Amino acid sequence: MALAAEILPQKRHAGRDLAVLNLGNTLPQMLAPMLALMLAASPTGYSTLFLISAAAAGCGGLFALRVRYSG
């Protein structure tokens, strides 16, 4: 968290920016197990779960390519 605080764009809005960062880390950790449980219990089972996981990882990689360092 200290390293993330060092690269924030404006020190004046550090609390807000860290809250958004925390939310971005926490929400997927809360939603993914619930989604996995629902998909694993579905008739298609784990194949759908793996396909959705692969698509999410691919989307995350594409979004990461758009991140620019402004330091």
C-alpha atoms as a PDB file:
ATOM      1  CA  MET A   1       0.000   0.000   0.000  1.00  0.00           C
ATOM      2  CA  ALA A   2       2.911   2.332   0.711  1.00  0.00           C
ATOM      3  CA  LEU A   3       4.268   1.810  -2.805  1.00  0.00           C
ATOM      4  CA  ALA A   4       0.855   2.562  -4.279  1.00  0.00           C
ATOM      5  CA  ALA A   5       0.686   5.762  -2.240  1.00  0.00           C
ATOM      6  CA  GLU A   6       4.024   6.861  -3.695  1.00  0.00           C
ATOM      7  CA  ILE A   7       2.768   6.844  -7.286  1.00  0.00           C
ATOM      8  CA  LEU A   8      -0.574   8.559  -6.770  1.00  0.00           C
ATOM      9  CA  PRO A   9      -1.185  11.393  -9.230  1.00  0.00           C
ATOM     10  CA  GLN A  10      -2.086  14.034  -6.600  1.00  0.00           C
ATOM     11  CA  LYS A  11      -1.162  13.864  -2.934  1.00  0.00           C
ATOM     12  CA  ARG A  12      -4.169  16.049  -2.167  1.00  0.00           C
ATOM     13  CA  HIS A  13      -6.574  13.247  -3.151  1.00  0.00           C
ATOM     14  CA  ALA A  14      -4.561  10.364  -1.725  1.00  0.00           C
ATOM     15  CA  GLY A  15      -7.359   9.082   0.532  1.00  0.00           C
ATOM     16  CA  ARG A  16      -9.883   8.940  -2.278  1.00  0.00           C
ATOM     17  CA  ASP A  17      -7.454   7.307  -4.682  1.00  0.00           C
ATOM     18  CA  LEU A  18      -6.399   4.676  -2.141  1.00  0.00           C
ATOM     19  CA  ALA A  19     -10.066   3.930  -1.403  1.00  0.00           C
ATOM     20  CA  VAL A  20     -10.696   3.285  -5.105  1.00  0.00           C
ATOM     21  CA  LEU A  21      -7.594   1.098  -5.247  1.00  0.00           C
ATOM     22  CA  ASN A  22      -8.792  -0.891  -2.242  1.00  0.00           C
ATOM     23  CA  LEU A  23     -12.248  -1.286  -3.751  1.00  0.00           C
ATOM     24  CA  GLY A  24     -10.698  -2.526  -6.974  1.00  0.00           C
ATOM     25  CA  ASN A  25      -8.795  -5.172  -5.023  1.00  0.00           C
ATOM     26  CA  THR A  26     -11.600  -6.198  -2.679  1.00  0.00           C
ATOM     27  CA  LEU A  27     -14.622  -6.528  -4.972  1.00  0.00           C
ATOM     28  CA  PRO A  28     -13.192  -9.261  -7.223  1.00  0.00           C
ATOM     29  CA  GLN A  29     -12.099 -11.233  -4.161  1.00  0.00           C
ATOM     30  CA  MET A  30     -15.650 -11.092  -2.845  1.00  0.00           C
ATOM     31  CA  LEU A  31     -17.485 -11.788  -6.094  1.00  0.00           C
ATOM     32  CA  ALA A  32     -15.267 -14.458  -7.659  1.00  0.00           C
ATOM     33  CA  PRO A  33     -15.954 -17.225  -5.107  1.00  0.00           C
ATOM     34  CA  MET A  34     -19.701 -16.656  -5.340  1.00  0.00           C
ATOM     35  CA  LEU A  35     -19.585 -16.716  -9.140  1.00  0.00           C
ATOM     36  CA  ALA A  36     -17.391 -19.838  -9.102  1.00  0.00           C
ATOM     37  CA  LEU A  37     -19.784 -21.628  -6.778  1.00  0.00           C
ATOM     38  CA  MET A  38     -22.759 -20.836  -8.994  1.00  0.00           C
ATOM     39  CA  LEU A  39     -20.944 -21.879 -12.169  1.00  0.00           C
ATOM     40  CA  ALA A  40     -19.498 -25.067 -10.678  1.00  0.00           C
ATOM     41  CA  ALA A  41     -22.976 -26.111  -9.552  1.00  0.00           C
ATOM     42  CA  SER A  42     -24.455 -25.483 -13.014  1.00  0.00           C
ATOM     43  CA  PRO A  43     -25.046 -28.352 -15.466  1.00  0.00           C
ATOM     44  CA  THR A  44     -22.050 -27.351 -17.589  1.00  0.00           C
ATOM     45  CA  GLY A  45     -19.821 -27.510 -14.527  1.00  0.00           C
ATOM     46  CA  TYR A  46     -16.209 -26.500 -14.571  1.00  0.00           C
ATOM     47  CA  SER A  47     -15.850 -25.985 -18.335  1.00  0.00           C
ATOM     48  CA  THR A  48     -17.928 -22.793 -18.181  1.00  0.00           C
ATOM     49  CA  LEU A  49     -16.042 -21.666 -15.098  1.00  0.00           C
ATOM     50  CA  PHE A  50     -12.692 -22.108 -16.861  1.00  0.00           C
ATOM     51  CA  LEU A  51     -13.888 -20.340 -20.028  1.00  0.00           C
ATOM     52  CA  ILE A  52     -15.150 -17.340 -18.061  1.00  0.00           C
ATOM     53  CA  SER A  53     -11.932 -17.266 -16.025  1.00  0.00           C
ATOM     54  CA  ALA A  54      -9.836 -17.297 -19.190  1.00  0.00           C
ATOM     55  CA  ALA A  55     -11.923 -14.504 -20.725  1.00  0.00           C
ATOM     56  CA  ALA A  56     -11.608 -12.424 -17.542  1.00  0.00           C
ATOM     57  CA  ALA A  57      -7.830 -12.935 -17.489  1.00  0.00           C
ATOM     58  CA  GLY A  58      -7.608 -11.912 -21.144  1.00  0.00           C
ATOM     59  CA  CYS A  59      -9.689  -8.783 -20.524  1.00  0.00           C
ATOM     60  CA  GLY A  60      -7.528  -7.931 -17.525  1.00  0.00           C
ATOM     61  CA  GLY A  61      -4.414  -8.249 -19.652  1.00  0.00           C
ATOM     62  CA  LEU A  62      -5.855  -5.972 -22.326  1.00  0.00           C
ATOM     63  CA  PHE A  63      -6.820  -3.377 -19.743  1.00  0.00           C
ATOM     64  CA  ALA A  64      -3.355  -3.564 -18.207  1.00  0.00           C
ATOM     65  CA  LEU A  65      -1.845  -2.661 -21.569  1.00  0.00           C
ATOM     66  CA  ARG A  66      -3.680   0.668 -21.408  1.00  0.00           C
ATOM     67  CA  VAL A  67      -2.125   1.664 -18.078  1.00  0.00           C
ATOM     68  CA  ARG A  68       0.418   4.417 -18.440  1.00  0.00           C
ATOM     69  CA  TYR A  69       3.014   5.487 -15.946  1.00  0.00           C
ATOM     70  CA  SER A  70       2.843   9.240 -15.443  1.00  0.00           C
ATOM     71  CA  GLY A  71       5.880   9.607 -13.224  1.00  0.00           C
END
